[in-house]
Amino acid sequence: LVAMVVSAGTLGFVGSLVIYLLYKDRGPFVRWHAANSLNVQIITGIVLLISFPFMLVGIGFLTYGLALVFAFVVHIIAAAKANQGEWFRPPMTPHWVK
């Protein structure tokens, strides 16, 4: 979350990738949540890349902001669920990394 906020959404992927690579072997629960974090960052990155050309029209600023808010909120909810020991599948997120 810190990397995402500080870099306006561009470094969140790096943080999620590092966490996934370091902790994926600690068990199925940790792997599940690390993979979901990475999946959220991948879809957020795709939306951010698509938003850049649309910034010329003006709507890209809205979609860029909405993507960042979506990722931020989903990460907060997922962190709370993981802290409570619950399995959580982020909404509107493909499950590419398993």
PDB file of N, CA and C in Angstrom:
ATOM      1  N   LEU A   1       0.826  -1.201   0.000  1.00  0.00           N
ATOM      2  CA  LEU A   1       0.000   0.000   0.000  1.00  0.00           C
ATOM      3  C   LEU A   1       0.866   1.258   0.000  1.00  0.00           C
ATOM      4  N   VAL A   2       1.937   1.230   0.765  1.00  0.00           N
ATOM      5  CA  VAL A   2       2.803   2.410   0.843  1.00  0.00           C
ATOM      6  C   VAL A   2       3.397   2.718  -0.522  1.00  0.00           C
ATOM      7  N   ALA A   3       3.898   1.689  -1.210  1.00  0.00           N
ATOM      8  CA  ALA A   3       4.488   1.902  -2.530  1.00  0.00           C
ATOM      9  C   ALA A   3       3.456   2.430  -3.514  1.00  0.00           C
ATOM     10  N   MET A   4       2.232   1.931  -3.424  1.00  0.00           N
ATOM     11  CA  MET A   4       1.195   2.375  -4.336  1.00  0.00           C
ATOM     12  C   MET A   4       0.858   3.844  -4.113  1.00  0.00           C
ATOM     13  N   VAL A   5       0.728   4.246  -2.873  1.00  0.00           N
ATOM     14  CA  VAL A   5       0.349   5.621  -2.561  1.00  0.00           C
ATOM     15  C   VAL A   5       1.478   6.587  -2.907  1.00  0.00           C
ATOM     16  N   VAL A   6       2.701   6.245  -2.537  1.00  0.00           N
ATOM     17  CA  VAL A   6       3.847   7.144  -2.759  1.00  0.00           C
ATOM     18  C   VAL A   6       4.122   7.335  -4.247  1.00  0.00           C
ATOM     19  N   SER A   7       3.939   6.285  -5.033  1.00  0.00           N
ATOM     20  CA  SER A   7       4.282   6.362  -6.452  1.00  0.00           C
ATOM     21  C   SER A   7       3.083   6.601  -7.362  1.00  0.00           C
ATOM     22  N   ALA A   8       1.973   6.987  -6.816  1.00  0.00           N
ATOM     23  CA  ALA A   8       0.736   7.225  -7.581  1.00  0.00           C
ATOM     24  C   ALA A   8       0.292   5.979  -8.333  1.00  0.00           C
ATOM     25  N   GLY A   9       0.497   4.820  -7.721  1.00  0.00           N
ATOM     26  CA  GLY A   9      -0.021   3.592  -8.282  1.00  0.00           C
ATOM     27  C   GLY A   9       0.927   2.791  -9.134  1.00  0.00           C
ATOM     28  N   THR A  10       2.114   3.302  -9.402  1.00  0.00           N
ATOM     29  CA  THR A  10       2.993   2.605 -10.322  1.00  0.00           C
ATOM     30  C   THR A  10       3.915   1.590  -9.658  1.00  0.00           C
ATOM     31  N   LEU A  11       4.196   1.702  -8.382  1.00  0.00           N
ATOM     32  CA  LEU A  11       5.094   0.761  -7.710  1.00  0.00           C
ATOM     33  C   LEU A  11       4.372  -0.286  -6.862  1.00  0.00           C
ATOM     34  N   GLY A  12       3.074  -0.230  -6.784  1.00  0.00           N
ATOM     35  CA  GLY A  12       2.333  -1.222  -6.021  1.00  0.00           C
ATOM     36  C   GLY A  12       2.565  -2.624  -6.548  1.00  0.00           C
ATOM     37  N   PHE A  13       2.746  -2.738  -7.852  1.00  0.00           N
ATOM     38  CA  PHE A  13       3.009  -4.030  -8.464  1.00  0.00           C
ATOM     39  C   PHE A  13       4.315  -4.624  -7.948  1.00  0.00           C
ATOM     40  N   VAL A  14       5.333  -3.792  -7.826  1.00  0.00           N
ATOM     41  CA  VAL A  14       6.638  -4.268  -7.362  1.00  0.00           C
ATOM     42  C   VAL A  14       6.534  -4.795  -5.934  1.00  0.00           C
ATOM     43  N   GLY A  15       5.855  -4.076  -5.073  1.00  0.00           N
ATOM     44  CA  GLY A  15       5.689  -4.515  -3.692  1.00  0.00           C
ATOM     45  C   GLY A  15       4.943  -5.840  -3.606  1.00  0.00           C
ATOM     46  N   SER A  16       3.879  -5.974  -4.358  1.00  0.00           N
ATOM     47  CA  SER A  16       3.098  -7.212  -4.354  1.00  0.00           C
ATOM     48  C   SER A  16       3.900  -8.375  -4.932  1.00  0.00           C
ATOM     49  N   LEU A  17       4.682  -8.103  -5.959  1.00  0.00           N
ATOM     50  CA  LEU A  17       5.507  -9.152  -6.560  1.00  0.00           C
ATOM     51  C   LEU A  17       6.578  -9.634  -5.590  1.00  0.00           C
ATOM     52  N   VAL A  18       7.216  -8.718  -4.887  1.00  0.00           N
ATOM     53  CA  VAL A  18       8.246  -9.089  -3.912  1.00  0.00           C
ATOM     54  C   VAL A  18       7.641  -9.917  -2.784  1.00  0.00           C
ATOM     55  N   ILE A  19       6.500  -9.490  -2.262  1.00  0.00           N
ATOM     56  CA  ILE A  19       5.835 -10.245  -1.197  1.00  0.00           C
ATOM     57  C   ILE A  19       5.461 -11.638  -1.688  1.00  0.00           C
ATOM     58  N   TYR A  20       4.929 -11.721  -2.898  1.00  0.00           N
ATOM     59  CA  TYR A  20       4.546 -13.017  -3.446  1.00  0.00           C
ATOM     60  C   TYR A  20       5.764 -13.937  -3.575  1.00  0.00           C
ATOM     61  N   LEU A  21       6.845 -13.421  -4.133  1.00  0.00           N
ATOM     62  CA  LEU A  21       8.029 -14.254  -4.342  1.00  0.00           C
ATOM     63  C   LEU A  21       8.683 -14.687  -3.027  1.00  0.00           C
ATOM     64  N   LEU A  22       8.654 -13.822  -2.022  1.00  0.00           N
ATOM     65  CA  LEU A  22       9.289 -14.147  -0.745  1.00  0.00           C
ATOM     66  C   LEU A  22       8.458 -15.086   0.122  1.00  0.00           C
ATOM     67  N   TYR A  23       7.139 -14.932   0.093  1.00  0.00           N
ATOM     68  CA  TYR A  23       6.285 -15.645   1.047  1.00  0.00           C
ATOM     69  C   TYR A  23       5.372 -16.707   0.451  1.00  0.00           C
ATOM     70  N   LYS A  24       5.471 -16.987  -0.842  1.00  0.00           N
ATOM     71  CA  LYS A  24       4.541 -17.930  -1.466  1.00  0.00           C
ATOM     72  C   LYS A  24       4.687 -19.362  -0.941  1.00  0.00           C
ATOM     73  N   ASP A  25       5.826 -19.691  -0.358  1.00  0.00           N
ATOM     74  CA  ASP A  25       6.047 -21.053   0.134  1.00  0.00           C
ATOM     75  C   ASP A  25       5.726 -21.226   1.613  1.00  0.00           C
ATOM     76  N   ARG A  26       5.108 -20.252   2.231  1.00  0.00           N
ATOM     77  CA  ARG A  26       4.790 -20.335   3.657  1.00  0.00           C
ATOM     78  C   ARG A  26       3.448 -20.989   3.954  1.00  0.00           C
ATOM     79  N   GLY A  27       2.810 -21.490   2.968  1.00  0.00           N
ATOM     80  CA  GLY A  27       1.537 -22.169   3.184  1.00  0.00           C
ATOM     81  C   GLY A  27       0.484 -21.670   2.220  1.00  0.00           C
ATOM     82  N   PRO A  28      -0.602 -22.428   2.091  1.00  0.00           N
ATOM     83  CA  PRO A  28      -1.640 -22.073   1.122  1.00  0.00           C
ATOM     84  C   PRO A  28      -2.362 -20.763   1.453  1.00  0.00           C
ATOM     85  N   PHE A  29      -2.535 -20.458   2.734  1.00  0.00           N
ATOM     86  CA  PHE A  29      -3.242 -19.230   3.120  1.00  0.00           C
ATOM     87  C   PHE A  29      -2.429 -17.996   2.728  1.00  0.00           C
ATOM     88  N   VAL A  30      -1.138 -18.017   3.022  1.00  0.00           N
ATOM     89  CA  VAL A  30      -0.265 -16.887   2.689  1.00  0.00           C
ATOM     90  C   VAL A  30      -0.129 -16.759   1.177  1.00  0.00           C
ATOM     91  N   ARG A  31       0.020 -17.879   0.501  1.00  0.00           N
ATOM     92  CA  ARG A  31       0.139 -17.853  -0.955  1.00  0.00           C
ATOM     93  C   ARG A  31      -1.126 -17.288  -1.599  1.00  0.00           C
ATOM     94  N   TRP A  32      -2.282 -17.687  -1.091  1.00  0.00           N
ATOM     95  CA  TRP A  32      -3.558 -17.209  -1.625  1.00  0.00           C
ATOM     96  C   TRP A  32      -3.655 -15.684  -1.545  1.00  0.00           C
ATOM     97  N   HIS A  33      -3.347 -15.143  -0.377  1.00  0.00           N
ATOM     98  CA  HIS A  33      -3.469 -13.693  -0.206  1.00  0.00           C
ATOM     99  C   HIS A  33      -2.382 -12.928  -0.949  1.00  0.00           C
ATOM    100  N   ALA A  34      -1.167 -13.467  -1.016  1.00  0.00           N
ATOM    101  CA  ALA A  34      -0.108 -12.815  -1.784  1.00  0.00           C
ATOM    102  C   ALA A  34      -0.440 -12.833  -3.278  1.00  0.00           C
ATOM    103  N   ALA A  35      -0.976 -13.948  -3.768  1.00  0.00           N
ATOM    104  CA  ALA A  35      -1.362 -14.038  -5.177  1.00  0.00           C
ATOM    105  C   ALA A  35      -2.516 -13.085  -5.492  1.00  0.00           C
ATOM    106  N   ASN A  36      -3.477 -12.976  -4.579  1.00  0.00           N
ATOM    107  CA  ASN A  36      -4.587 -12.045  -4.804  1.00  0.00           C
ATOM    108  C   ASN A  36      -4.102 -10.604  -4.829  1.00  0.00           C
ATOM    109  N   SER A  37      -3.157 -10.274  -3.971  1.00  0.00           N
ATOM    110  CA  SER A  37      -2.582  -8.929  -3.983  1.00  0.00           C
ATOM    111  C   SER A  37      -1.920  -8.644  -5.328  1.00  0.00           C
ATOM    112  N   LEU A  38      -1.178  -9.612  -5.825  1.00  0.00           N
ATOM    113  CA  LEU A  38      -0.531  -9.452  -7.123  1.00  0.00           C
ATOM    114  C   LEU A  38      -1.559  -9.357  -8.240  1.00  0.00           C
ATOM    115  N   ASN A  39      -2.616 -10.134  -8.171  1.00  0.00           N
ATOM    116  CA  ASN A  39      -3.678 -10.058  -9.181  1.00  0.00           C
ATOM    117  C   ASN A  39      -4.350  -8.693  -9.190  1.00  0.00           C
ATOM    118  N   VAL A  40      -4.594  -8.139  -8.013  1.00  0.00           N
ATOM    119  CA  VAL A  40      -5.190  -6.801  -7.932  1.00  0.00           C
ATOM    120  C   VAL A  40      -4.252  -5.778  -8.557  1.00  0.00           C
ATOM    121  N   GLN A  41      -2.967  -5.906  -8.297  1.00  0.00           N
ATOM    122  CA  GLN A  41      -2.007  -4.952  -8.858  1.00  0.00           C
ATOM    123  C   GLN A  41      -1.876  -5.100 -10.370  1.00  0.00           C
ATOM    124  N   ILE A  42      -1.976  -6.316 -10.874  1.00  0.00           N
ATOM    125  CA  ILE A  42      -1.911  -6.510 -12.326  1.00  0.00           C
ATOM    126  C   ILE A  42      -3.100  -5.845 -13.008  1.00  0.00           C
ATOM    127  N   ILE A  43      -4.300  -6.071 -12.493  1.00  0.00           N
ATOM    128  CA  ILE A  43      -5.479  -5.465 -13.114  1.00  0.00           C
ATOM    129  C   ILE A  43      -5.454  -3.944 -12.946  1.00  0.00           C
ATOM    130  N   THR A  44      -4.942  -3.468 -11.812  1.00  0.00           N
ATOM    131  CA  THR A  44      -4.813  -2.023 -11.611  1.00  0.00           C
ATOM    132  C   THR A  44      -3.822  -1.437 -12.611  1.00  0.00           C
ATOM    133  N   GLY A  45      -2.716  -2.115 -12.822  1.00  0.00           N
ATOM    134  CA  GLY A  45      -1.725  -1.648 -13.799  1.00  0.00           C
ATOM    135  C   GLY A  45      -2.289  -1.591 -15.206  1.00  0.00           C
ATOM    136  N   ILE A  46      -3.079  -2.584 -15.567  1.00  0.00           N
ATOM    137  CA  ILE A  46      -3.700  -2.586 -16.889  1.00  0.00           C
ATOM    138  C   ILE A  46      -4.647  -1.396 -17.041  1.00  0.00           C
ATOM    139  N   VAL A  47      -5.454  -1.148 -16.020  1.00  0.00           N
ATOM    140  CA  VAL A  47      -6.391  -0.018 -16.084  1.00  0.00           C
ATOM    141  C   VAL A  47      -5.620   1.305 -16.135  1.00  0.00           C
ATOM    142  N   LEU A  48      -4.522   1.406 -15.392  1.00  0.00           N
ATOM    143  CA  LEU A  48      -3.721   2.639 -15.420  1.00  0.00           C
ATOM    144  C   LEU A  48      -3.115   2.857 -16.803  1.00  0.00           C
ATOM    145  N   LEU A  49      -2.615   1.802 -17.433  1.00  0.00           N
ATOM    146  CA  LEU A  49      -2.062   1.941 -18.783  1.00  0.00           C
ATOM    147  C   LEU A  49      -3.127   2.344 -19.799  1.00  0.00           C
ATOM    148  N   ILE A  50      -4.312   1.795 -19.649  1.00  0.00           N
ATOM    149  CA  ILE A  50      -5.405   2.156 -20.551  1.00  0.00           C
ATOM    150  C   ILE A  50      -5.850   3.592 -20.292  1.00  0.00           C
ATOM    151  N   SER A  51      -5.723   4.055 -19.060  1.00  0.00           N
ATOM    152  CA  SER A  51      -6.164   5.407 -18.704  1.00  0.00           C
ATOM    153  C   SER A  51      -5.288   6.496 -19.323  1.00  0.00           C
ATOM    154  N   PHE A  52      -3.999   6.200 -19.547  1.00  0.00           N
ATOM    155  CA  PHE A  52      -3.106   7.235 -20.067  1.00  0.00           C
ATOM    156  C   PHE A  52      -3.576   7.841 -21.385  1.00  0.00           C
ATOM    157  N   PRO A  53      -3.888   7.058 -22.415  1.00  0.00           N
ATOM    158  CA  PRO A  53      -4.350   7.689 -23.658  1.00  0.00           C
ATOM    159  C   PRO A  53      -5.663   8.454 -23.483  1.00  0.00           C
ATOM    160  N   PHE A  54      -6.509   7.959 -22.584  1.00  0.00           N
ATOM    161  CA  PHE A  54      -7.791   8.627 -22.375  1.00  0.00           C
ATOM    162  C   PHE A  54      -7.659   9.930 -21.591  1.00  0.00           C
ATOM    163  N   MET A  55      -6.484  10.196 -21.060  1.00  0.00           N
ATOM    164  CA  MET A  55      -6.269  11.468 -20.363  1.00  0.00           C
ATOM    165  C   MET A  55      -6.312  12.639 -21.340  1.00  0.00           C
ATOM    166  N   LEU A  56      -6.036  12.386 -22.599  1.00  0.00           N
ATOM    167  CA  LEU A  56      -6.144  13.441 -23.610  1.00  0.00           C
ATOM    168  C   LEU A  56      -7.585  13.904 -23.763  1.00  0.00           C
ATOM    169  N   VAL A  57      -8.510  13.003 -23.553  1.00  0.00           N
ATOM    170  CA  VAL A  57      -9.931  13.328 -23.650  1.00  0.00           C
ATOM    171  C   VAL A  57     -10.461  13.855 -22.325  1.00  0.00           C
ATOM    172  N   GLY A  58      -9.831  13.456 -21.235  1.00  0.00           N
ATOM    173  CA  GLY A  58     -10.256  13.915 -19.918  1.00  0.00           C
ATOM    174  C   GLY A  58     -10.795  12.816 -19.034  1.00  0.00           C
ATOM    175  N   ILE A  59     -11.368  11.793 -19.646  1.00  0.00           N
ATOM    176  CA  ILE A  59     -11.953  10.724 -18.837  1.00  0.00           C
ATOM    177  C   ILE A  59     -10.878   9.863 -18.186  1.00  0.00           C
ATOM    178  N   GLY A  60      -9.676   9.879 -18.721  1.00  0.00           N
ATOM    179  CA  GLY A  60      -8.588   9.079 -18.174  1.00  0.00           C
ATOM    180  C   GLY A  60      -8.228   9.466 -16.756  1.00  0.00           C
ATOM    181  N   PHE A  61      -8.387  10.725 -16.418  1.00  0.00           N
ATOM    182  CA  PHE A  61      -8.102  11.162 -15.052  1.00  0.00           C
ATOM    183  C   PHE A  61      -9.071  10.516 -14.064  1.00  0.00           C
ATOM    184  N   LEU A  62     -10.307  10.366 -14.483  1.00  0.00           N
ATOM    185  CA  LEU A  62     -11.311   9.729 -13.637  1.00  0.00           C
ATOM    186  C   LEU A  62     -11.027   8.234 -13.470  1.00  0.00           C
ATOM    187  N   THR A  63     -10.756   7.550 -14.592  1.00  0.00           N
ATOM    188  CA  THR A  63     -10.492   6.119 -14.508  1.00  0.00           C
ATOM    189  C   THR A  63      -9.195   5.824 -13.759  1.00  0.00           C
ATOM    190  N   TYR A  64      -8.196   6.680 -13.903  1.00  0.00           N
ATOM    191  CA  TYR A  64      -6.932   6.516 -13.176  1.00  0.00           C
ATOM    192  C   TYR A  64      -7.185   6.594 -11.672  1.00  0.00           C
ATOM    193  N   GLY A  65      -7.912   7.607 -11.264  1.00  0.00           N
ATOM    194  CA  GLY A  65      -8.228   7.775  -9.841  1.00  0.00           C
ATOM    195  C   GLY A  65      -9.089   6.660  -9.290  1.00  0.00           C
ATOM    196  N   LEU A  66     -10.082   6.234 -10.063  1.00  0.00           N
ATOM    197  CA  LEU A  66     -10.953   5.143  -9.619  1.00  0.00           C
ATOM    198  C   LEU A  66     -10.179   3.837  -9.469  1.00  0.00           C
ATOM    199  N   ALA A  67      -9.233   3.594 -10.375  1.00  0.00           N
ATOM    200  CA  ALA A  67      -8.425   2.368 -10.281  1.00  0.00           C
ATOM    201  C   ALA A  67      -7.583   2.383  -9.014  1.00  0.00           C
ATOM    202  N   LEU A  68      -7.009   3.524  -8.676  1.00  0.00           N
ATOM    203  CA  LEU A  68      -6.189   3.625  -7.461  1.00  0.00           C
ATOM    204  C   LEU A  68      -7.040   3.457  -6.204  1.00  0.00           C
ATOM    205  N   VAL A  69      -8.205   4.068  -6.201  1.00  0.00           N
ATOM    206  CA  VAL A  69      -9.099   3.933  -5.045  1.00  0.00           C
ATOM    207  C   VAL A  69      -9.562   2.486  -4.909  1.00  0.00           C
ATOM    208  N   PHE A  70      -9.914   1.857  -6.024  1.00  0.00           N
ATOM    209  CA  PHE A  70     -10.327   0.453  -6.000  1.00  0.00           C
ATOM    210  C   PHE A  70      -9.228  -0.425  -5.405  1.00  0.00           C
ATOM    211  N   ALA A  71      -8.008  -0.266  -5.895  1.00  0.00           N
ATOM    212  CA  ALA A  71      -6.901  -1.087  -5.401  1.00  0.00           C
ATOM    213  C   ALA A  71      -6.654  -0.830  -3.920  1.00  0.00           C
ATOM    214  N   PHE A  72      -6.705   0.414  -3.502  1.00  0.00           N
ATOM    215  CA  PHE A  72      -6.472   0.770  -2.104  1.00  0.00           C
ATOM    216  C   PHE A  72      -7.521   0.128  -1.196  1.00  0.00           C
ATOM    217  N   VAL A  73      -8.779   0.250  -1.576  1.00  0.00           N
ATOM    218  CA  VAL A  73      -9.871  -0.293  -0.762  1.00  0.00           C
ATOM    219  C   VAL A  73      -9.808  -1.821  -0.714  1.00  0.00           C
ATOM    220  N   VAL A  74      -9.551  -2.455  -1.852  1.00  0.00           N
ATOM    221  CA  VAL A  74      -9.480  -3.918  -1.883  1.00  0.00           C
ATOM    222  C   VAL A  74      -8.322  -4.406  -1.026  1.00  0.00           C
ATOM    223  N   HIS A  75      -7.184  -3.717  -1.067  1.00  0.00           N
ATOM    224  CA  HIS A  75      -6.045  -4.133  -0.243  1.00  0.00           C
ATOM    225  C   HIS A  75      -6.338  -3.973   1.247  1.00  0.00           C
ATOM    226  N   ILE A  76      -7.032  -2.927   1.626  1.00  0.00           N
ATOM    227  CA  ILE A  76      -7.394  -2.737   3.031  1.00  0.00           C
ATOM    228  C   ILE A  76      -8.345  -3.846   3.489  1.00  0.00           C
ATOM    229  N   ILE A  77      -9.356  -4.133   2.683  1.00  0.00           N
ATOM    230  CA  ILE A  77     -10.311  -5.193   3.033  1.00  0.00           C
ATOM    231  C   ILE A  77      -9.608  -6.540   3.105  1.00  0.00           C
ATOM    232  N   ALA A  78      -8.751  -6.829   2.131  1.00  0.00           N
ATOM    233  CA  ALA A  78      -8.036  -8.109   2.112  1.00  0.00           C
ATOM    234  C   ALA A  78      -7.102  -8.243   3.309  1.00  0.00           C
ATOM    235  N   ALA A  79      -6.445  -7.168   3.688  1.00  0.00           N
ATOM    236  CA  ALA A  79      -5.553  -7.212   4.852  1.00  0.00           C
ATOM    237  C   ALA A  79      -6.346  -7.483   6.132  1.00  0.00           C
ATOM    238  N   ALA A  80      -7.502  -6.862   6.246  1.00  0.00           N
ATOM    239  CA  ALA A  80      -8.338  -7.095   7.426  1.00  0.00           C
ATOM    240  C   ALA A  80      -8.842  -8.535   7.466  1.00  0.00           C
ATOM    241  N   LYS A  81      -9.261  -9.054   6.320  1.00  0.00           N
ATOM    242  CA  LYS A  81      -9.736 -10.438   6.257  1.00  0.00           C
ATOM    243  C   LYS A  81      -8.606 -11.419   6.564  1.00  0.00           C
ATOM    244  N   ALA A  82      -7.426 -11.176   6.022  1.00  0.00           N
ATOM    245  CA  ALA A  82      -6.286 -12.057   6.283  1.00  0.00           C
ATOM    246  C   ALA A  82      -5.894 -12.010   7.753  1.00  0.00           C
ATOM    247  N   ASN A  83      -5.973 -10.849   8.358  1.00  0.00           N
ATOM    248  CA  ASN A  83      -5.658 -10.711   9.778  1.00  0.00           C
ATOM    249  C   ASN A  83      -6.644 -11.496  10.644  1.00  0.00           C
ATOM    250  N   GLN A  84      -7.874 -11.624  10.185  1.00  0.00           N
ATOM    251  CA  GLN A  84      -8.893 -12.379  10.912  1.00  0.00           C
ATOM    252  C   GLN A  84      -8.857 -13.862  10.563  1.00  0.00           C
ATOM    253  N   GLY A  85      -7.969 -14.249   9.656  1.00  0.00           N
ATOM    254  CA  GLY A  85      -7.850 -15.649   9.270  1.00  0.00           C
ATOM    255  C   GLY A  85      -8.872 -16.093   8.248  1.00  0.00           C
ATOM    256  N   GLU A  86      -9.494 -15.160   7.540  1.00  0.00           N
ATOM    257  CA  GLU A  86     -10.520 -15.479   6.551  1.00  0.00           C
ATOM    258  C   GLU A  86      -9.928 -15.472   5.147  1.00  0.00           C
ATOM    259  N   TRP A  87     -10.434 -16.342   4.304  1.00  0.00           N
ATOM    260  CA  TRP A  87     -10.051 -16.364   2.897  1.00  0.00           C
ATOM    261  C   TRP A  87     -10.854 -15.285   2.182  1.00  0.00           C
ATOM    262  N   PHE A  88     -10.212 -14.541   1.294  1.00  0.00           N
ATOM    263  CA  PHE A  88     -10.878 -13.436   0.615  1.00  0.00           C
ATOM    264  C   PHE A  88     -10.508 -13.458  -0.859  1.00  0.00           C
ATOM    265  N   ARG A  89     -11.511 -13.365  -1.714  1.00  0.00           N
ATOM    266  CA  ARG A  89     -11.301 -13.270  -3.162  1.00  0.00           C
ATOM    267  C   ARG A  89     -11.720 -11.871  -3.599  1.00  0.00           C
ATOM    268  N   PRO A  90     -10.785 -11.050  -4.099  1.00  0.00           N
ATOM    269  CA  PRO A  90     -11.131  -9.684  -4.505  1.00  0.00           C
ATOM    270  C   PRO A  90     -12.167  -9.664  -5.626  1.00  0.00           C
ATOM    271  N   PRO A  91     -13.106  -8.739  -5.557  1.00  0.00           N
ATOM    272  CA  PRO A  91     -14.122  -8.639  -6.613  1.00  0.00           C
ATOM    273  C   PRO A  91     -13.531  -8.050  -7.895  1.00  0.00           C
ATOM    274  N   MET A  92     -14.097  -8.428  -9.018  1.00  0.00           N
ATOM    275  CA  MET A  92     -13.707  -7.902 -10.335  1.00  0.00           C
ATOM    276  C   MET A  92     -12.221  -8.071 -10.630  1.00  0.00           C
ATOM    277  N   THR A  93     -11.639  -9.143 -10.125  1.00  0.00           N
ATOM    278  CA  THR A  93     -10.220  -9.387 -10.334  1.00  0.00           C
ATOM    279  C   THR A  93     -10.011 -10.800 -10.863  1.00  0.00           C
ATOM    280  N   PRO A  94      -9.419 -10.931 -12.052  1.00  0.00           N
ATOM    281  CA  PRO A  94      -9.127 -12.273 -12.551  1.00  0.00           C
ATOM    282  C   PRO A  94      -8.092 -12.960 -11.677  1.00  0.00           C
ATOM    283  N   HIS A  95      -8.119 -14.250 -11.669  1.00  0.00           N
ATOM    284  CA  HIS A  95      -7.207 -15.020 -10.811  1.00  0.00           C
ATOM    285  C   HIS A  95      -6.079 -15.585 -11.696  1.00  0.00           C
ATOM    286  N   TRP A  96      -5.191 -14.708 -12.173  1.00  0.00           N
ATOM    287  CA  TRP A  96      -4.102 -15.107 -13.051  1.00  0.00           C
ATOM    288  C   TRP A  96      -2.970 -15.788 -12.298  1.00  0.00           C
ATOM    289  N   VAL A  97      -2.563 -15.200 -11.198  1.00  0.00           N
ATOM    290  CA  VAL A  97      -1.484 -15.772 -10.386  1.00  0.00           C
ATOM    291  C   VAL A  97      -2.121 -16.670  -9.355  1.00  0.00           C
ATOM    292  N   LYS A  98      -1.641 -17.903  -9.250  1.00  0.00           N
ATOM    293  CA  LYS A  98      -2.251 -18.852  -8.313  1.00  0.00           C
ATOM    294  C   LYS A  98      -1.238 -19.329  -7.320  1.00  0.00           C
TER     295      LYS A  98
END
